[in-house]
Amino acid sequence: MSTPLLLTSEQDDVGIVTLNMEHKRNALNEEAIAAIDAYFSAIPSHIRVVLLMAKGEHFCAGLDLKEHHDKERSGVEFMRVCQGWHRAFDKIQHGGIPVVACLQGAVVGGGLELASAAHVRVADSGTFFALPEGTRGIFTGGGATVRTARIISAPRMVEMMLTGRVIDAQEGRQLGLAHYVCDSAKGDTPASELALSLAKKIAGNAALSNYAIVSAINRIADMSATDGLFTEGLVMAMIQQGHDVQQRLGEFVNKRAHKVQLGH
């Protein structure tokens, strides 16, 4: 019986998806992409947030270059492979369920494309980022020109691909590739614990608000200002119909809700 490439489990209303190919630094082949697509196509209805993790020292070293080399794909064949990655990662980014990614070690090439599809990224201090496609004689194919370039800017992505330089966790946070960096040597909470804690906190939000946040904001960013403002109003009008809106607003009005303040 073959070892599953993707492990899935649950903690209450948090679904946990773990890449399980540590022997090859969790490099992604066609089967792994199909497994990611399958999970995010049919997330159980009670799951409010997904935590994306990886076994071993590395989150994901990108495209499985051995499979790519051995298959000697034609241009059309690899175009279809790219479209498979796009479909799978679109379901992560636009599926309506918040996704928190826990990063460690290599987040490289296609691994960075996968991480870029997540909504919240928590990195261990030993995490590093790179886009080495230029040095491999290939190009990005899993959505980096759309997702990653929007995070770090197109000129920065061009520079990373041309030079092949490696970015550490701290610079990655400055660029937006990570939202949090955890340094256990300095007494920080381990990245895996913080990522799970954030996932549970997000799961406590109103489900309809979470859906709107992860579904609307990136799409509005693609629109003209006029269309974006109109769409924002429509989304707010939809959220206003949520069954728990009045309850949550009532908690605030009656001083039972937490106050927004520094450190919380």
Protein backbone atom coordinates (compact mmCIF):
# COMPACT_ATOMS: atom_id res chain seq x y z
CA MET A 1 0.00 0.00 0.00
CA SER A 2 1.51 3.32 -1.06
CA THR A 3 2.05 6.14 1.43
CA PRO A 4 -0.53 8.93 0.99
CA LEU A 5 0.94 12.14 -0.37
CA LEU A 6 -1.51 14.21 1.64
CA LEU A 7 -2.55 13.58 5.24
CA THR A 8 -5.81 15.03 6.50
CA SER A 9 -7.14 15.36 10.04
CA GLU A 10 -9.35 17.67 12.07
CA GLN A 11 -9.31 19.59 15.33
CA ASP A 12 -12.91 20.60 15.97
CA ASP A 13 -13.81 22.89 13.04
CA VAL A 14 -10.24 23.24 11.75
CA GLY A 15 -9.23 20.93 8.91
CA ILE A 16 -5.52 20.05 8.86
CA VAL A 17 -3.89 19.20 5.52
CA THR A 18 -0.28 17.98 5.66
CA LEU A 19 2.07 17.43 2.73
CA ASN A 20 3.61 13.99 3.29
CA MET A 21 6.58 13.71 0.93
CA GLU A 22 9.43 14.72 3.21
CA HIS A 23 11.86 12.33 1.49
CA LYS A 24 11.84 14.74 -1.47
CA ARG A 25 11.33 17.97 0.49
CA ASN A 26 7.61 17.78 -0.31
CA ALA A 27 8.15 18.52 -4.00
CA LEU A 28 4.82 18.40 -5.83
CA ASN A 29 4.08 15.92 -8.59
CA GLU A 30 0.85 15.50 -10.55
CA GLU A 31 -0.59 13.07 -8.00
CA ALA A 32 0.02 15.49 -5.11
CA ILE A 33 -1.63 18.35 -6.99
CA ALA A 34 -4.62 16.11 -7.72
CA ALA A 35 -4.88 15.28 -4.01
CA ILE A 36 -4.78 18.98 -3.05
CA ASP A 37 -7.45 19.70 -5.68
CA ALA A 38 -9.64 16.87 -4.38
CA TYR A 39 -9.51 18.05 -0.76
CA PHE A 40 -10.22 21.69 -1.49
CA SER A 41 -13.01 20.70 -3.89
CA ALA A 42 -14.91 18.91 -1.14
CA ILE A 43 -14.02 20.44 2.23
CA PRO A 44 -16.33 18.93 4.88
CA SER A 45 -19.23 21.25 5.63
CA HIS A 46 -18.35 21.65 9.32
CA ILE A 47 -14.80 22.85 8.62
CA ARG A 48 -14.46 26.62 9.10
CA VAL A 49 -10.70 27.03 8.50
CA VAL A 50 -7.98 24.89 6.90
CA LEU A 51 -4.45 24.65 8.28
CA LEU A 52 -1.92 23.74 5.56
CA MET A 53 1.27 22.13 6.85
CA ALA A 54 4.10 19.83 5.77
CA LYS A 55 5.99 16.95 7.36
CA GLY A 56 9.74 17.14 7.69
CA GLU A 57 12.21 20.00 7.59
CA HIS A 58 10.80 21.69 4.48
CA PHE A 59 7.38 23.02 3.52
CA CYS A 60 7.72 22.48 -0.22
CA ALA A 61 10.67 22.54 -2.63
CA GLY A 62 8.40 23.16 -5.62
CA LEU A 63 7.78 21.16 -8.76
CA ASP A 64 8.97 17.55 -8.72
CA LEU A 65 11.77 18.09 -11.23
CA LYS A 66 12.57 14.37 -11.46
CA GLU A 67 9.03 13.60 -12.62
CA HIS A 68 9.19 16.59 -14.97
CA HIS A 69 12.51 15.40 -16.43
CA ASP A 70 11.47 11.76 -16.75
CA LYS A 71 8.16 12.50 -18.47
CA GLU A 72 9.74 14.76 -21.11
CA ARG A 73 6.42 16.56 -21.47
CA SER A 74 5.53 18.44 -24.61
CA GLY A 75 4.56 22.10 -24.40
CA VAL A 76 0.86 21.24 -24.60
CA GLU A 77 1.20 18.53 -21.95
CA PHE A 78 2.90 20.88 -19.55
CA MET A 79 0.37 23.60 -20.23
CA ARG A 80 -2.25 21.15 -18.94
CA VAL A 81 -0.10 20.47 -15.88
CA CYS A 82 0.08 24.22 -15.19
CA GLN A 83 -3.68 24.51 -15.53
CA GLY A 84 -4.06 21.72 -12.97
CA TRP A 85 -1.93 23.69 -10.51
CA HIS A 86 -3.95 26.83 -11.25
CA ARG A 87 -7.25 25.04 -10.57
CA ALA A 88 -6.02 23.52 -7.32
CA PHE A 89 -4.51 26.73 -5.96
CA ASP A 90 -7.52 28.80 -7.06
CA LYS A 91 -9.64 26.55 -4.86
CA ILE A 92 -7.35 27.36 -1.93
CA GLN A 93 -7.41 31.11 -2.50
CA HIS A 94 -10.97 31.55 -3.73
CA GLY A 95 -12.80 28.61 -2.16
CA GLY A 96 -14.45 30.71 0.54
CA ILE A 97 -12.68 28.97 3.47
CA PRO A 98 -9.75 30.75 5.17
CA VAL A 99 -6.46 28.88 4.80
CA VAL A 100 -3.55 29.31 7.22
CA ALA A 101 -0.18 28.00 6.01
CA CYS A 102 2.57 26.92 8.41
CA LEU A 103 5.95 27.28 6.70
CA GLN A 104 9.38 25.85 7.47
CA GLY A 105 12.58 25.28 5.58
CA ALA A 106 12.32 25.54 1.81
CA VAL A 107 9.37 27.46 0.37
CA VAL A 108 10.75 27.41 -3.13
CA GLY A 109 9.36 27.67 -6.66
CA GLY A 110 6.02 25.86 -6.71
CA GLY A 111 6.13 25.74 -2.90
CA LEU A 112 6.05 29.52 -2.85
CA GLU A 113 3.19 29.43 -5.36
CA LEU A 114 1.30 27.12 -3.01
CA ALA A 115 2.03 29.29 0.02
CA SER A 116 0.98 32.41 -1.89
CA ALA A 117 -2.51 30.95 -2.31
CA ALA A 118 -3.00 30.80 1.48
CA HIS A 119 -4.57 33.73 3.30
CA VAL A 120 -2.38 33.75 6.42
CA ARG A 121 1.25 32.58 6.42
CA VAL A 122 3.16 31.70 9.60
CA ALA A 123 6.87 30.94 9.14
CA ASP A 124 9.48 29.34 11.32
CA SER A 125 12.61 31.49 11.61
CA GLY A 126 14.52 28.95 9.50
CA THR A 127 12.16 29.36 6.53
CA PHE A 128 13.63 30.55 3.25
CA PHE A 129 12.02 31.63 -0.02
CA ALA A 130 13.29 31.44 -3.60
CA LEU A 131 12.19 31.34 -7.23
CA PRO A 132 15.03 29.39 -8.90
CA GLU A 133 13.27 28.76 -12.20
CA GLY A 134 15.70 30.93 -14.14
CA THR A 135 18.63 28.80 -13.02
CA ARG A 136 16.70 25.62 -13.98
CA GLY A 137 15.96 26.84 -17.49
CA ILE A 138 12.19 26.92 -16.86
CA PHE A 139 9.51 29.44 -15.84
CA THR A 140 6.89 29.62 -13.12
CA GLY A 141 3.78 27.62 -13.93
CA GLY A 142 1.75 27.41 -10.73
CA GLY A 143 0.49 30.97 -10.54
CA ALA A 144 3.44 32.97 -9.18
CA THR A 145 3.13 35.66 -11.84
CA VAL A 146 -0.35 36.38 -10.47
CA ARG A 147 -0.29 35.47 -6.78
CA THR A 148 3.33 35.94 -5.68
CA ALA A 149 3.93 39.01 -7.84
CA ARG A 150 0.93 40.71 -6.24
CA ILE A 151 2.43 40.10 -2.83
CA ILE A 152 6.00 41.25 -3.48
CA SER A 153 5.53 43.29 -6.72
CA ALA A 154 6.38 42.24 -10.27
CA PRO A 155 9.82 43.93 -10.31
CA ARG A 156 10.86 42.10 -7.14
CA MET A 157 9.73 38.80 -8.63
CA VAL A 158 11.74 39.49 -11.79
CA GLU A 159 14.83 40.16 -9.66
CA MET A 160 14.33 36.98 -7.61
CA MET A 161 13.95 34.85 -10.72
CA LEU A 162 16.90 36.39 -12.57
CA THR A 163 19.33 36.16 -9.68
CA GLY A 164 17.98 33.05 -7.98
CA ARG A 165 18.79 34.58 -4.61
CA VAL A 166 17.40 33.12 -1.42
CA ILE A 167 15.34 35.27 0.95
CA ASP A 168 15.32 34.50 4.67
CA ALA A 169 12.28 34.54 6.91
CA GLN A 170 12.75 38.09 8.18
CA GLU A 171 13.07 39.60 4.71
CA GLY A 172 10.19 37.40 3.64
CA ARG A 173 8.02 38.99 6.31
CA GLN A 174 9.07 42.45 5.18
CA LEU A 175 8.00 41.57 1.64
CA GLY A 176 4.71 40.00 2.74
CA LEU A 177 5.63 36.39 2.00
CA ALA A 178 5.08 35.64 5.70
CA HIS A 179 2.76 37.48 8.07
CA TYR A 180 4.35 36.02 11.22
CA VAL A 181 7.84 34.68 11.95
CA CYS A 182 8.42 32.49 15.00
CA ASP A 183 11.90 32.10 16.49
CA SER A 184 11.77 29.38 19.14
CA ALA A 185 15.38 30.17 20.12
CA LYS A 186 14.10 33.55 21.32
CA GLY A 187 11.22 32.01 23.20
CA ASP A 188 8.57 32.51 20.53
CA THR A 189 5.65 30.13 20.25
CA PRO A 190 6.54 27.43 17.65
CA ALA A 191 5.17 28.22 14.20
CA SER A 192 2.94 25.14 14.19
CA GLU A 193 1.32 26.14 17.49
CA LEU A 194 0.81 29.75 16.43
CA ALA A 195 -0.63 28.68 13.07
CA LEU A 196 -3.12 26.37 14.77
CA SER A 197 -4.00 29.06 17.33
CA LEU A 198 -4.67 31.57 14.55
CA ALA A 199 -6.74 29.01 12.63
CA LYS A 200 -8.90 28.42 15.71
CA LYS A 201 -9.28 32.17 16.27
CA ILE A 202 -10.35 32.69 12.65
CA ALA A 203 -12.81 29.81 12.97
CA GLY A 204 -14.52 31.82 15.72
CA ASN A 205 -15.37 34.63 13.30
CA ALA A 206 -18.76 34.80 11.63
CA ALA A 207 -18.62 32.26 8.79
CA LEU A 208 -20.22 34.66 6.32
CA SER A 209 -17.67 37.37 7.14
CA ASN A 210 -14.82 34.92 6.63
CA TYR A 211 -16.31 33.89 3.29
CA ALA A 212 -16.55 37.49 2.14
CA ILE A 213 -13.04 38.39 3.29
CA VAL A 214 -11.35 35.54 1.40
CA SER A 215 -13.67 35.66 -1.61
CA ALA A 216 -14.19 39.36 -2.30
CA ILE A 217 -11.07 41.34 -1.46
CA ASN A 218 -8.74 39.81 -4.07
CA ARG A 219 -11.45 40.04 -6.71
CA ILE A 220 -12.17 43.68 -5.86
CA ALA A 221 -8.45 44.39 -6.26
CA ASP A 222 -8.84 43.34 -9.91
CA MET A 223 -11.64 45.87 -10.51
CA SER A 224 -11.73 49.55 -11.31
CA ALA A 225 -12.21 51.80 -8.29
CA THR A 226 -15.85 52.46 -9.22
CA ASP A 227 -16.69 48.78 -9.67
CA GLY A 228 -14.77 47.88 -6.53
CA LEU A 229 -16.66 50.33 -4.35
CA PHE A 230 -19.99 49.13 -5.72
CA THR A 231 -19.03 45.50 -5.13
CA GLU A 232 -17.87 46.31 -1.61
CA GLY A 233 -21.31 47.75 -0.86
CA LEU A 234 -23.02 44.67 -2.27
CA VAL A 235 -20.84 42.36 -0.18
CA MET A 236 -21.56 44.37 2.96
CA ALA A 237 -25.29 44.23 2.19
CA MET A 238 -25.01 40.44 1.87
CA ILE A 239 -23.11 40.13 5.14
CA GLN A 240 -25.72 42.24 6.90
CA GLN A 241 -28.18 39.40 6.31
CA GLY A 242 -26.09 36.98 8.38
CA HIS A 243 -28.07 35.35 11.19
CA ASP A 244 -25.53 36.27 13.88
CA VAL A 245 -24.91 39.91 12.88
CA GLN A 246 -27.36 41.39 15.36
CA GLN A 247 -26.09 39.13 18.13
CA ARG A 248 -22.46 40.16 17.60
CA LEU A 249 -23.34 43.84 17.28
CA GLY A 250 -25.47 43.55 20.40
CA GLU A 251 -22.51 42.15 22.33
CA PHE A 252 -20.52 45.23 21.33
CA VAL A 253 -23.31 47.69 22.16
CA ASN A 254 -23.83 46.02 25.54
CA LYS A 255 -20.08 46.04 26.25
CA ARG A 256 -19.71 42.27 26.24
CA ALA A 257 -17.40 42.17 23.21
CA HIS A 258 -13.62 42.59 23.36
CA LYS A 259 -12.24 46.03 22.72
CA VAL A 260 -9.79 46.63 19.89
CA GLN A 261 -6.52 47.65 21.50
CA LEU A 262 -2.80 47.17 21.08
CA GLY A 263 -1.61 43.74 22.11
CA HIS A 264 -4.89 41.94 21.37
